[in-house]
Amino acid sequence: MNLALIHKVPLIYLLENNHYAMGTSVERHSHNTKYFKRYDSLPGIRVDGHNVIAMRETMKWAKKYVLKNGPIIVEAETYRYHGHSMSDPGLSYRSREEIMSVRK
């Protein structure tokens, strides 16, 4: 990221934030859950990763931005509905109610 900033490399860092790591929420393992703001010198924006139109428009804008200014972080905020594997059913660290409310 440092070199990309120095050389103004037209690079889009796309981060998918699904709010959970393996077995825990992001609030329990990150000091700053606004990933698009974590790198003070690297600009970033957040977009609703569930909204296809918003994603398309954001990425079109980001492409124009990086070609002129250099790298940027785009954080796509999504939600992980299931666990990571058979050994992580995803219910020990969140409730079924939480999952259902996001699905609505």
PDB file of N, CA and C in Angstrom:
ATOM      1  N   MET A   1       0.816  -1.180   0.000  1.00  0.00           N
ATOM      2  CA  MET A   1       0.000   0.000   0.000  1.00  0.00           C
ATOM      3  C   MET A   1       0.865   1.252   0.000  1.00  0.00           C
ATOM      4  N   ASN A   2       1.948   1.201   0.760  1.00  0.00           N
ATOM      5  CA  ASN A   2       2.850   2.334   0.817  1.00  0.00           C
ATOM      6  C   ASN A   2       3.423   2.648  -0.561  1.00  0.00           C
ATOM      7  N   LEU A   3       3.925   1.644  -1.242  1.00  0.00           N
ATOM      8  CA  LEU A   3       4.505   1.872  -2.568  1.00  0.00           C
ATOM      9  C   LEU A   3       3.457   2.306  -3.577  1.00  0.00           C
ATOM     10  N   ALA A   4       2.264   1.770  -3.475  1.00  0.00           N
ATOM     11  CA  ALA A   4       1.183   2.171  -4.371  1.00  0.00           C
ATOM     12  C   ALA A   4       0.870   3.659  -4.181  1.00  0.00           C
ATOM     13  N   LEU A   5       0.897   4.127  -2.928  1.00  0.00           N
ATOM     14  CA  LEU A   5       0.672   5.545  -2.659  1.00  0.00           C
ATOM     15  C   LEU A   5       1.807   6.411  -3.189  1.00  0.00           C
ATOM     16  N   ILE A   6       3.030   5.988  -2.944  1.00  0.00           N
ATOM     17  CA  ILE A   6       4.191   6.757  -3.391  1.00  0.00           C
ATOM     18  C   ILE A   6       4.185   6.928  -4.904  1.00  0.00           C
ATOM     19  N   HIS A   7       3.885   5.848  -5.621  1.00  0.00           N
ATOM     20  CA  HIS A   7       3.948   5.862  -7.088  1.00  0.00           C
ATOM     21  C   HIS A   7       2.597   6.127  -7.746  1.00  0.00           C
ATOM     22  N   LYS A   8       1.572   6.406  -6.934  1.00  0.00           N
ATOM     23  CA  LYS A   8       0.217   6.665  -7.442  1.00  0.00           C
ATOM     24  C   LYS A   8      -0.246   5.575  -8.416  1.00  0.00           C
ATOM     25  N   VAL A   9      -0.066   4.342  -7.988  1.00  0.00           N
ATOM     26  CA  VAL A   9      -0.486   3.188  -8.788  1.00  0.00           C
ATOM     27  C   VAL A   9      -2.016   3.159  -8.817  1.00  0.00           C
ATOM     28  N   PRO A  10      -2.610   3.034 -10.004  1.00  0.00           N
ATOM     29  CA  PRO A  10      -4.084   2.995 -10.083  1.00  0.00           C
ATOM     30  C   PRO A  10      -4.614   1.643  -9.609  1.00  0.00           C
ATOM     31  N   LEU A  11      -4.756   1.517  -8.298  1.00  0.00           N
ATOM     32  CA  LEU A  11      -5.091   0.240  -7.682  1.00  0.00           C
ATOM     33  C   LEU A  11      -6.292   0.403  -6.755  1.00  0.00           C
ATOM     34  N   ILE A  12      -7.279  -0.472  -6.916  1.00  0.00           N
ATOM     35  CA  ILE A  12      -8.444  -0.475  -6.038  1.00  0.00           C
ATOM     36  C   ILE A  12      -8.320  -1.675  -5.114  1.00  0.00           C
ATOM     37  N   TYR A  13      -8.242  -1.414  -3.808  1.00  0.00           N
ATOM     38  CA  TYR A  13      -8.258  -2.479  -2.822  1.00  0.00           C
ATOM     39  C   TYR A  13      -9.723  -2.704  -2.451  1.00  0.00           C
ATOM     40  N   LEU A  14     -10.278  -3.831  -2.831  1.00  0.00           N
ATOM     41  CA  LEU A  14     -11.668  -4.132  -2.515  1.00  0.00           C
ATOM     42  C   LEU A  14     -11.703  -5.069  -1.315  1.00  0.00           C
ATOM     43  N   LEU A  15     -12.276  -4.590  -0.213  1.00  0.00           N
ATOM     44  CA  LEU A  15     -12.372  -5.372   1.011  1.00  0.00           C
ATOM     45  C   LEU A  15     -13.822  -5.764   1.238  1.00  0.00           C
ATOM     46  N   GLU A  16     -14.064  -7.043   1.406  1.00  0.00           N
ATOM     47  CA  GLU A  16     -15.402  -7.512   1.744  1.00  0.00           C
ATOM     48  C   GLU A  16     -15.487  -7.625   3.256  1.00  0.00           C
ATOM     49  N   ASN A  17     -16.343  -6.832   3.857  1.00  0.00           N
ATOM     50  CA  ASN A  17     -16.536  -6.864   5.306  1.00  0.00           C
ATOM     51  C   ASN A  17     -17.861  -7.557   5.572  1.00  0.00           C
ATOM     52  N   ASN A  18     -17.790  -8.831   5.973  1.00  0.00           N
ATOM     53  CA  ASN A  18     -19.013  -9.580   6.254  1.00  0.00           C
ATOM     54  C   ASN A  18     -19.323  -9.636   7.750  1.00  0.00           C
ATOM     55  N   HIS A  19     -18.618  -8.827   8.525  1.00  0.00           N
ATOM     56  CA  HIS A  19     -18.840  -8.639   9.965  1.00  0.00           C
ATOM     57  C   HIS A  19     -18.395  -9.798  10.854  1.00  0.00           C
ATOM     58  N   TYR A  20     -17.869 -10.856  10.285  1.00  0.00           N
ATOM     59  CA  TYR A  20     -17.428 -11.976  11.126  1.00  0.00           C
ATOM     60  C   TYR A  20     -16.144 -12.586  10.591  1.00  0.00           C
ATOM     61  N   ALA A  21     -15.258 -12.914  11.515  1.00  0.00           N
ATOM     62  CA  ALA A  21     -14.089 -13.715  11.199  1.00  0.00           C
ATOM     63  C   ALA A  21     -14.436 -15.143  11.592  1.00  0.00           C
ATOM     64  N   MET A  22     -13.497 -16.014  11.584  1.00  0.00           N
ATOM     65  CA  MET A  22     -13.736 -17.404  11.970  1.00  0.00           C
ATOM     66  C   MET A  22     -14.100 -17.456  13.442  1.00  0.00           C
ATOM     67  N   GLY A  23     -15.377 -17.565  13.728  1.00  0.00           N
ATOM     68  CA  GLY A  23     -15.838 -17.758  15.090  1.00  0.00           C
ATOM     69  C   GLY A  23     -16.003 -16.529  15.951  1.00  0.00           C
ATOM     70  N   THR A  24     -15.867 -15.338  15.392  1.00  0.00           N
ATOM     71  CA  THR A  24     -16.040 -14.136  16.216  1.00  0.00           C
ATOM     72  C   THR A  24     -16.437 -12.947  15.361  1.00  0.00           C
ATOM     73  N   SER A  25     -17.031 -11.967  15.994  1.00  0.00           N
ATOM     74  CA  SER A  25     -17.437 -10.753  15.274  1.00  0.00           C
ATOM     75  C   SER A  25     -16.252  -9.811  15.138  1.00  0.00           C
ATOM     76  N   VAL A  26     -16.337  -8.896  14.174  1.00  0.00           N
ATOM     77  CA  VAL A  26     -15.244  -7.952  13.960  1.00  0.00           C
ATOM     78  C   VAL A  26     -15.030  -7.042  15.159  1.00  0.00           C
ATOM     79  N   GLU A  27     -16.082  -6.762  15.903  1.00  0.00           N
ATOM     80  CA  GLU A  27     -15.936  -5.902  17.080  1.00  0.00           C
ATOM     81  C   GLU A  27     -15.025  -6.512  18.135  1.00  0.00           C
ATOM     82  N   ARG A  28     -14.929  -7.831  18.158  1.00  0.00           N
ATOM     83  CA  ARG A  28     -14.098  -8.507  19.164  1.00  0.00           C
ATOM     84  C   ARG A  28     -12.646  -8.638  18.752  1.00  0.00           C
ATOM     85  N   HIS A  29     -12.311  -8.435  17.465  1.00  0.00           N
ATOM     86  CA  HIS A  29     -10.927  -8.630  17.048  1.00  0.00           C
ATOM     87  C   HIS A  29     -10.316  -7.446  16.306  1.00  0.00           C
ATOM     88  N   SER A  30     -11.046  -6.341  16.159  1.00  0.00           N
ATOM     89  CA  SER A  30     -10.505  -5.187  15.449  1.00  0.00           C
ATOM     90  C   SER A  30     -10.649  -3.916  16.278  1.00  0.00           C
ATOM     91  N   HIS A  31      -9.585  -3.162  16.375  1.00  0.00           N
ATOM     92  CA  HIS A  31      -9.664  -1.897  17.101  1.00  0.00           C
ATOM     93  C   HIS A  31     -10.443  -0.856  16.312  1.00  0.00           C
ATOM     94  N   ASN A  32     -10.477  -0.992  14.997  1.00  0.00           N
ATOM     95  CA  ASN A  32     -11.210  -0.068  14.134  1.00  0.00           C
ATOM     96  C   ASN A  32     -11.966  -0.896  13.101  1.00  0.00           C
ATOM     97  N   THR A  33     -13.264  -0.956  13.214  1.00  0.00           N
ATOM     98  CA  THR A  33     -14.056  -1.774  12.292  1.00  0.00           C
ATOM     99  C   THR A  33     -14.432  -1.028  11.023  1.00  0.00           C
ATOM    100  N   LYS A  34     -14.028   0.209  10.912  1.00  0.00           N
ATOM    101  CA  LYS A  34     -14.225   0.967   9.670  1.00  0.00           C
ATOM    102  C   LYS A  34     -12.973   0.754   8.814  1.00  0.00           C
ATOM    103  N   TYR A  35     -12.919  -0.367   8.140  1.00  0.00           N
ATOM    104  CA  TYR A  35     -11.729  -0.755   7.387  1.00  0.00           C
ATOM    105  C   TYR A  35     -11.346   0.273   6.334  1.00  0.00           C
ATOM    106  N   PHE A  36     -12.325   0.939   5.758  1.00  0.00           N
ATOM    107  CA  PHE A  36     -12.025   1.924   4.729  1.00  0.00           C
ATOM    108  C   PHE A  36     -11.311   3.159   5.286  1.00  0.00           C
ATOM    109  N   LYS A  37     -11.238   3.291   6.613  1.00  0.00           N
ATOM    110  CA  LYS A  37     -10.558   4.414   7.255  1.00  0.00           C
ATOM    111  C   LYS A  37      -9.297   3.990   8.011  1.00  0.00           C
ATOM    112  N   ARG A  38      -8.891   2.762   7.899  1.00  0.00           N
ATOM    113  CA  ARG A  38      -7.784   2.266   8.720  1.00  0.00           C
ATOM    114  C   ARG A  38      -6.424   2.815   8.323  1.00  0.00           C
ATOM    115  N   TYR A  39      -6.249   3.158   7.108  1.00  0.00           N
ATOM    116  CA  TYR A  39      -4.938   3.591   6.617  1.00  0.00           C
ATOM    117  C   TYR A  39      -5.003   5.080   6.357  1.00  0.00           C
ATOM    118  N   ASP A  40      -4.412   5.865   7.241  1.00  0.00           N
ATOM    119  CA  ASP A  40      -4.597   7.314   7.219  1.00  0.00           C
ATOM    120  C   ASP A  40      -4.197   7.989   5.919  1.00  0.00           C
ATOM    121  N   SER A  41      -3.209   7.483   5.215  1.00  0.00           N
ATOM    122  CA  SER A  41      -2.765   8.110   3.970  1.00  0.00           C
ATOM    123  C   SER A  41      -3.485   7.566   2.743  1.00  0.00           C
ATOM    124  N   LEU A  42      -4.158   6.462   2.896  1.00  0.00           N
ATOM    125  CA  LEU A  42      -4.839   5.824   1.768  1.00  0.00           C
ATOM    126  C   LEU A  42      -6.334   6.124   1.866  1.00  0.00           C
ATOM    127  N   PRO A  43      -6.890   6.870   0.908  1.00  0.00           N
ATOM    128  CA  PRO A  43      -8.311   7.192   0.993  1.00  0.00           C
ATOM    129  C   PRO A  43      -9.175   5.950   0.863  1.00  0.00           C
ATOM    130  N   GLY A  44     -10.358   6.014   1.459  1.00  0.00           N
ATOM    131  CA  GLY A  44     -11.251   4.869   1.392  1.00  0.00           C
ATOM    132  C   GLY A  44     -12.704   5.274   1.478  1.00  0.00           C
ATOM    133  N   ILE A  45     -13.553   4.419   0.953  1.00  0.00           N
ATOM    134  CA  ILE A  45     -14.995   4.627   1.008  1.00  0.00           C
ATOM    135  C   ILE A  45     -15.669   3.306   1.335  1.00  0.00           C
ATOM    136  N   ARG A  46     -16.879   3.400   1.831  1.00  0.00           N
ATOM    137  CA  ARG A  46     -17.665   2.210   2.169  1.00  0.00           C
ATOM    138  C   ARG A  46     -18.902   2.194   1.282  1.00  0.00           C
ATOM    139  N   VAL A  47     -19.286   0.991   0.855  1.00  0.00           N
ATOM    140  CA  VAL A  47     -20.456   0.835  -0.003  1.00  0.00           C
ATOM    141  C   VAL A  47     -21.264  -0.369   0.475  1.00  0.00           C
ATOM    142  N   ASP A  48     -22.557  -0.325   0.240  1.00  0.00           N
ATOM    143  CA  ASP A  48     -23.434  -1.445   0.577  1.00  0.00           C
ATOM    144  C   ASP A  48     -23.154  -2.581  -0.408  1.00  0.00           C
ATOM    145  N   GLY A  49     -22.493  -3.607   0.055  1.00  0.00           N
ATOM    146  CA  GLY A  49     -22.123  -4.735  -0.790  1.00  0.00           C
ATOM    147  C   GLY A  49     -23.288  -5.588  -1.243  1.00  0.00           C
ATOM    148  N   HIS A  50     -24.459  -5.400  -0.659  1.00  0.00           N
ATOM    149  CA  HIS A  50     -25.652  -6.127  -1.074  1.00  0.00           C
ATOM    150  C   HIS A  50     -26.376  -5.418  -2.219  1.00  0.00           C
ATOM    151  N   ASN A  51     -26.028  -4.184  -2.471  1.00  0.00           N
ATOM    152  CA  ASN A  51     -26.680  -3.375  -3.489  1.00  0.00           C
ATOM    153  C   ASN A  51     -25.853  -3.410  -4.777  1.00  0.00           C
ATOM    154  N   VAL A  52     -26.314  -4.160  -5.749  1.00  0.00           N
ATOM    155  CA  VAL A  52     -25.565  -4.358  -6.997  1.00  0.00           C
ATOM    156  C   VAL A  52     -25.339  -3.032  -7.731  1.00  0.00           C
ATOM    157  N   ILE A  53     -26.357  -2.201  -7.763  1.00  0.00           N
ATOM    158  CA  ILE A  53     -26.241  -0.909  -8.458  1.00  0.00           C
ATOM    159  C   ILE A  53     -25.224  -0.016  -7.750  1.00  0.00           C
ATOM    160  N   ALA A  54     -25.299   0.039  -6.429  1.00  0.00           N
ATOM    161  CA  ALA A  54     -24.340   0.844  -5.668  1.00  0.00           C
ATOM    162  C   ALA A  54     -22.917   0.341  -5.882  1.00  0.00           C
ATOM    163  N   MET A  55     -22.738  -0.977  -5.910  1.00  0.00           N
ATOM    164  CA  MET A  55     -21.413  -1.546  -6.158  1.00  0.00           C
ATOM    165  C   MET A  55     -20.908  -1.155  -7.540  1.00  0.00           C
ATOM    166  N   ARG A  56     -21.757  -1.294  -8.544  1.00  0.00           N
ATOM    167  CA  ARG A  56     -21.351  -0.962  -9.918  1.00  0.00           C
ATOM    168  C   ARG A  56     -20.949   0.509 -10.020  1.00  0.00           C
ATOM    169  N   GLU A  57     -21.779   1.390  -9.496  1.00  0.00           N
ATOM    170  CA  GLU A  57     -21.496   2.816  -9.593  1.00  0.00           C
ATOM    171  C   GLU A  57     -20.257   3.204  -8.793  1.00  0.00           C
ATOM    172  N   THR A  58     -20.091   2.608  -7.625  1.00  0.00           N
ATOM    173  CA  THR A  58     -18.907   2.883  -6.807  1.00  0.00           C
ATOM    174  C   THR A  58     -17.640   2.439  -7.519  1.00  0.00           C
ATOM    175  N   MET A  59     -17.668   1.265  -8.121  1.00  0.00           N
ATOM    176  CA  MET A  59     -16.476   0.768  -8.806  1.00  0.00           C
ATOM    177  C   MET A  59     -16.174   1.587 -10.062  1.00  0.00           C
ATOM    178  N   LYS A  60     -17.200   2.061 -10.755  1.00  0.00           N
ATOM    179  CA  LYS A  60     -16.979   2.941 -11.907  1.00  0.00           C
ATOM    180  C   LYS A  60     -16.320   4.247 -11.452  1.00  0.00           C
ATOM    181  N   TRP A  61     -16.846   4.800 -10.341  1.00  0.00           N
ATOM    182  CA  TRP A  61     -16.268   6.022  -9.795  1.00  0.00           C
ATOM    183  C   TRP A  61     -14.828   5.772  -9.329  1.00  0.00           C
ATOM    184  N   ALA A  62     -14.612   4.646  -8.641  1.00  0.00           N
ATOM    185  CA  ALA A  62     -13.283   4.325  -8.117  1.00  0.00           C
ATOM    186  C   ALA A  62     -12.261   4.169  -9.243  1.00  0.00           C
ATOM    187  N   LYS A  63     -12.676   3.585 -10.351  1.00  0.00           N
ATOM    188  CA  LYS A  63     -11.761   3.439 -11.492  1.00  0.00           C
ATOM    189  C   LYS A  63     -11.306   4.806 -11.992  1.00  0.00           C
ATOM    190  N   LYS A  64     -12.235   5.715 -12.160  1.00  0.00           N
ATOM    191  CA  LYS A  64     -11.874   7.075 -12.592  1.00  0.00           C
ATOM    192  C   LYS A  64     -10.950   7.734 -11.576  1.00  0.00           C
ATOM    193  N   TYR A  65     -11.271   7.534 -10.296  1.00  0.00           N
ATOM    194  CA  TYR A  65     -10.480   8.138  -9.228  1.00  0.00           C
ATOM    195  C   TYR A  65      -9.027   7.656  -9.269  1.00  0.00           C
ATOM    196  N   VAL A  66      -8.832   6.339  -9.315  1.00  0.00           N
ATOM    197  CA  VAL A  66      -7.459   5.810  -9.231  1.00  0.00           C
ATOM    198  C   VAL A  66      -6.625   6.141 -10.459  1.00  0.00           C
ATOM    199  N   LEU A  67      -7.264   6.248 -11.608  1.00  0.00           N
ATOM    200  CA  LEU A  67      -6.514   6.606 -12.814  1.00  0.00           C
ATOM    201  C   LEU A  67      -5.938   8.012 -12.714  1.00  0.00           C
ATOM    202  N   LYS A  68      -6.582   8.873 -11.946  1.00  0.00           N
ATOM    203  CA  LYS A  68      -6.123  10.248 -11.776  1.00  0.00           C
ATOM    204  C   LYS A  68      -5.293  10.449 -10.514  1.00  0.00           C
ATOM    205  N   ASN A  69      -5.670   9.765  -9.410  1.00  0.00           N
ATOM    206  CA  ASN A  69      -5.097  10.071  -8.094  1.00  0.00           C
ATOM    207  C   ASN A  69      -4.256   8.978  -7.456  1.00  0.00           C
ATOM    208  N   GLY A  70      -4.371   7.750  -7.904  1.00  0.00           N
ATOM    209  CA  GLY A  70      -3.663   6.661  -7.248  1.00  0.00           C
ATOM    210  C   GLY A  70      -4.624   5.790  -6.465  1.00  0.00           C
ATOM    211  N   PRO A  71      -4.119   4.919  -5.588  1.00  0.00           N
ATOM    212  CA  PRO A  71      -4.911   3.853  -4.958  1.00  0.00           C
ATOM    213  C   PRO A  71      -6.007   4.336  -4.012  1.00  0.00           C
ATOM    214  N   ILE A  72      -6.971   3.451  -3.823  1.00  0.00           N
ATOM    215  CA  ILE A  72      -8.096   3.704  -2.926  1.00  0.00           C
ATOM    216  C   ILE A  72      -8.572   2.373  -2.342  1.00  0.00           C
ATOM    217  N   ILE A  73      -9.183   2.438  -1.172  1.00  0.00           N
ATOM    218  CA  ILE A  73      -9.814   1.261  -0.561  1.00  0.00           C
ATOM    219  C   ILE A  73     -11.320   1.395  -0.736  1.00  0.00           C
ATOM    220  N   VAL A  74     -11.957   0.331  -1.213  1.00  0.00           N
ATOM    221  CA  VAL A  74     -13.412   0.258  -1.270  1.00  0.00           C
ATOM    222  C   VAL A  74     -13.822  -0.878  -0.337  1.00  0.00           C
ATOM    223  N   GLU A  75     -14.551  -0.530   0.707  1.00  0.00           N
ATOM    224  CA  GLU A  75     -15.038  -1.543   1.645  1.00  0.00           C
ATOM    225  C   GLU A  75     -16.484  -1.871   1.304  1.00  0.00           C
ATOM    226  N   ALA A  76     -16.723  -3.101   0.888  1.00  0.00           N
ATOM    227  CA  ALA A  76     -18.072  -3.568   0.578  1.00  0.00           C
ATOM    228  C   ALA A  76     -18.645  -4.223   1.825  1.00  0.00           C
ATOM    229  N   GLU A  77     -19.619  -3.566   2.416  1.00  0.00           N
ATOM    230  CA  GLU A  77     -20.221  -4.077   3.645  1.00  0.00           C
ATOM    231  C   GLU A  77     -21.290  -5.111   3.297  1.00  0.00           C
ATOM    232  N   THR A  78     -21.084  -6.334   3.749  1.00  0.00           N
ATOM    233  CA  THR A  78     -21.993  -7.442   3.476  1.00  0.00           C
ATOM    234  C   THR A  78     -22.324  -8.138   4.797  1.00  0.00           C
ATOM    235  N   TYR A  79     -22.874  -9.327   4.715  1.00  0.00           N
ATOM    236  CA  TYR A  79     -23.167 -10.098   5.916  1.00  0.00           C
ATOM    237  C   TYR A  79     -22.967 -11.578   5.604  1.00  0.00           C
ATOM    238  N   ARG A  80     -22.307 -12.277   6.513  1.00  0.00           N
ATOM    239  CA  ARG A  80     -22.085 -13.713   6.337  1.00  0.00           C
ATOM    240  C   ARG A  80     -23.207 -14.460   7.049  1.00  0.00           C
ATOM    241  N   TYR A  81     -24.051 -15.118   6.263  1.00  0.00           N
ATOM    242  CA  TYR A  81     -25.223 -15.814   6.803  1.00  0.00           C
ATOM    243  C   TYR A  81     -24.906 -17.176   7.402  1.00  0.00           C
ATOM    244  N   HIS A  82     -23.797 -17.786   7.025  1.00  0.00           N
ATOM    245  CA  HIS A  82     -23.452 -19.144   7.464  1.00  0.00           C
ATOM    246  C   HIS A  82     -22.071 -19.154   8.103  1.00  0.00           C
ATOM    247  N   GLY A  83     -21.760 -20.235   8.742  1.00  0.00           N
ATOM    248  CA  GLY A  83     -20.427 -20.423   9.302  1.00  0.00           C
ATOM    249  C   GLY A  83     -19.407 -20.646   8.201  1.00  0.00           C
ATOM    250  N   HIS A  84     -18.135 -20.705   8.584  1.00  0.00           N
ATOM    251  CA  HIS A  84     -17.065 -20.919   7.610  1.00  0.00           C
ATOM    252  C   HIS A  84     -16.944 -22.369   7.164  1.00  0.00           C
ATOM    253  N   SER A  85     -17.341 -23.286   8.027  1.00  0.00           N
ATOM    254  CA  SER A  85     -17.130 -24.704   7.710  1.00  0.00           C
ATOM    255  C   SER A  85     -18.064 -25.552   8.569  1.00  0.00           C
ATOM    256  N   MET A  86     -17.944 -26.873   8.441  1.00  0.00           N
ATOM    257  CA  MET A  86     -18.740 -27.790   9.260  1.00  0.00           C
ATOM    258  C   MET A  86     -18.427 -27.602  10.743  1.00  0.00           C
ATOM    259  N   SER A  87     -17.178 -27.265  11.060  1.00  0.00           N
ATOM    260  CA  SER A  87     -16.802 -27.080  12.464  1.00  0.00           C
ATOM    261  C   SER A  87     -17.182 -25.691  12.989  1.00  0.00           C
ATOM    262  N   ASP A  88     -17.661 -24.824  12.112  1.00  0.00           N
ATOM    263  CA  ASP A  88     -18.096 -23.478  12.511  1.00  0.00           C
ATOM    264  C   ASP A  88     -19.498 -23.243  11.955  1.00  0.00           C
ATOM    265  N   PRO A  89     -20.524 -23.702  12.677  1.00  0.00           N
ATOM    266  CA  PRO A  89     -21.882 -23.518  12.173  1.00  0.00           C
ATOM    267  C   PRO A  89     -22.352 -22.065  12.216  1.00  0.00           C
ATOM    268  N   GLY A  90     -21.611 -21.203  12.897  1.00  0.00           N
ATOM    269  CA  GLY A  90     -21.937 -19.789  12.931  1.00  0.00           C
ATOM    270  C   GLY A  90     -23.016 -19.401  13.915  1.00  0.00           C
ATOM    271  N   LEU A  91     -23.377 -20.274  14.838  1.00  0.00           N
ATOM    272  CA  LEU A  91     -24.435 -19.959  15.803  1.00  0.00           C
ATOM    273  C   LEU A  91     -23.934 -19.786  17.232  1.00  0.00           C
ATOM    274  N   SER A  92     -22.667 -20.070  17.476  1.00  0.00           N
ATOM    275  CA  SER A  92     -22.158 -19.939  18.844  1.00  0.00           C
ATOM    276  C   SER A  92     -21.810 -18.493  19.190  1.00  0.00           C
ATOM    277  N   TYR A  93     -21.649 -17.628  18.214  1.00  0.00           N
ATOM    278  CA  TYR A  93     -21.265 -16.249  18.467  1.00  0.00           C
ATOM    279  C   TYR A  93     -22.271 -15.238  17.926  1.00  0.00           C
ATOM    280  N   ARG A  94     -23.427 -15.710  17.490  1.00  0.00           N
ATOM    281  CA  ARG A  94     -24.522 -14.836  17.075  1.00  0.00           C
ATOM    282  C   ARG A  94     -25.829 -15.612  17.134  1.00  0.00           C
ATOM    283  N   SER A  95     -26.914 -14.899  17.193  1.00  0.00           N
ATOM    284  CA  SER A  95     -28.206 -15.566  17.353  1.00  0.00           C
ATOM    285  C   SER A  95     -28.899 -15.786  16.005  1.00  0.00           C
ATOM    286  N   ARG A  96     -29.821 -16.709  16.001  1.00  0.00           N
ATOM    287  CA  ARG A  96     -30.648 -16.925  14.804  1.00  0.00           C
ATOM    288  C   ARG A  96     -31.475 -15.679  14.506  1.00  0.00           C
ATOM    289  N   GLU A  97     -31.872 -14.970  15.560  1.00  0.00           N
ATOM    290  CA  GLU A  97     -32.647 -13.736  15.388  1.00  0.00           C
ATOM    291  C   GLU A  97     -31.852 -12.687  14.615  1.00  0.00           C
ATOM    292  N   GLU A  98     -30.559 -12.572  14.939  1.00  0.00           N
ATOM    293  CA  GLU A  98     -29.705 -11.621  14.224  1.00  0.00           C
ATOM    294  C   GLU A  98     -29.672 -11.956  12.739  1.00  0.00           C
ATOM    295  N   ILE A  99     -29.448 -13.222  12.433  1.00  0.00           N
ATOM    296  CA  ILE A  99     -29.384 -13.664  11.033  1.00  0.00           C
ATOM    297  C   ILE A  99     -30.683 -13.370  10.314  1.00  0.00           C
ATOM    298  N   MET A 100     -31.802 -13.701  10.952  1.00  0.00           N
ATOM    299  CA  MET A 100     -33.106 -13.480  10.322  1.00  0.00           C
ATOM    300  C   MET A 100     -33.397 -11.994  10.132  1.00  0.00           C
ATOM    301  N   SER A 101     -32.976 -11.152  11.074  1.00  0.00           N
ATOM    302  CA  SER A 101     -33.238  -9.720  10.926  1.00  0.00           C
ATOM    303  C   SER A 101     -32.463  -9.137   9.746  1.00  0.00           C
ATOM    304  N   VAL A 102     -31.249  -9.624   9.514  1.00  0.00           N
ATOM    305  CA  VAL A 102     -30.467  -9.149   8.367  1.00  0.00           C
ATOM    306  C   VAL A 102     -31.100  -9.645   7.061  1.00  0.00           C
ATOM    307  N   ARG A 103     -31.594 -10.861   7.047  1.00  0.00           N
ATOM    308  CA  ARG A 103     -32.232 -11.390   5.838  1.00  0.00           C
ATOM    309  C   ARG A 103     -33.473 -10.605   5.446  1.00  0.00           C
ATOM    310  N   LYS A 104     -34.172 -10.064   6.454  1.00  0.00           N
ATOM    311  CA  LYS A 104     -35.374  -9.275   6.151  1.00  0.00           C
ATOM    312  C   LYS A 104     -34.976  -8.001   5.463  1.00  0.00           C
TER     313      LYS A 104
END
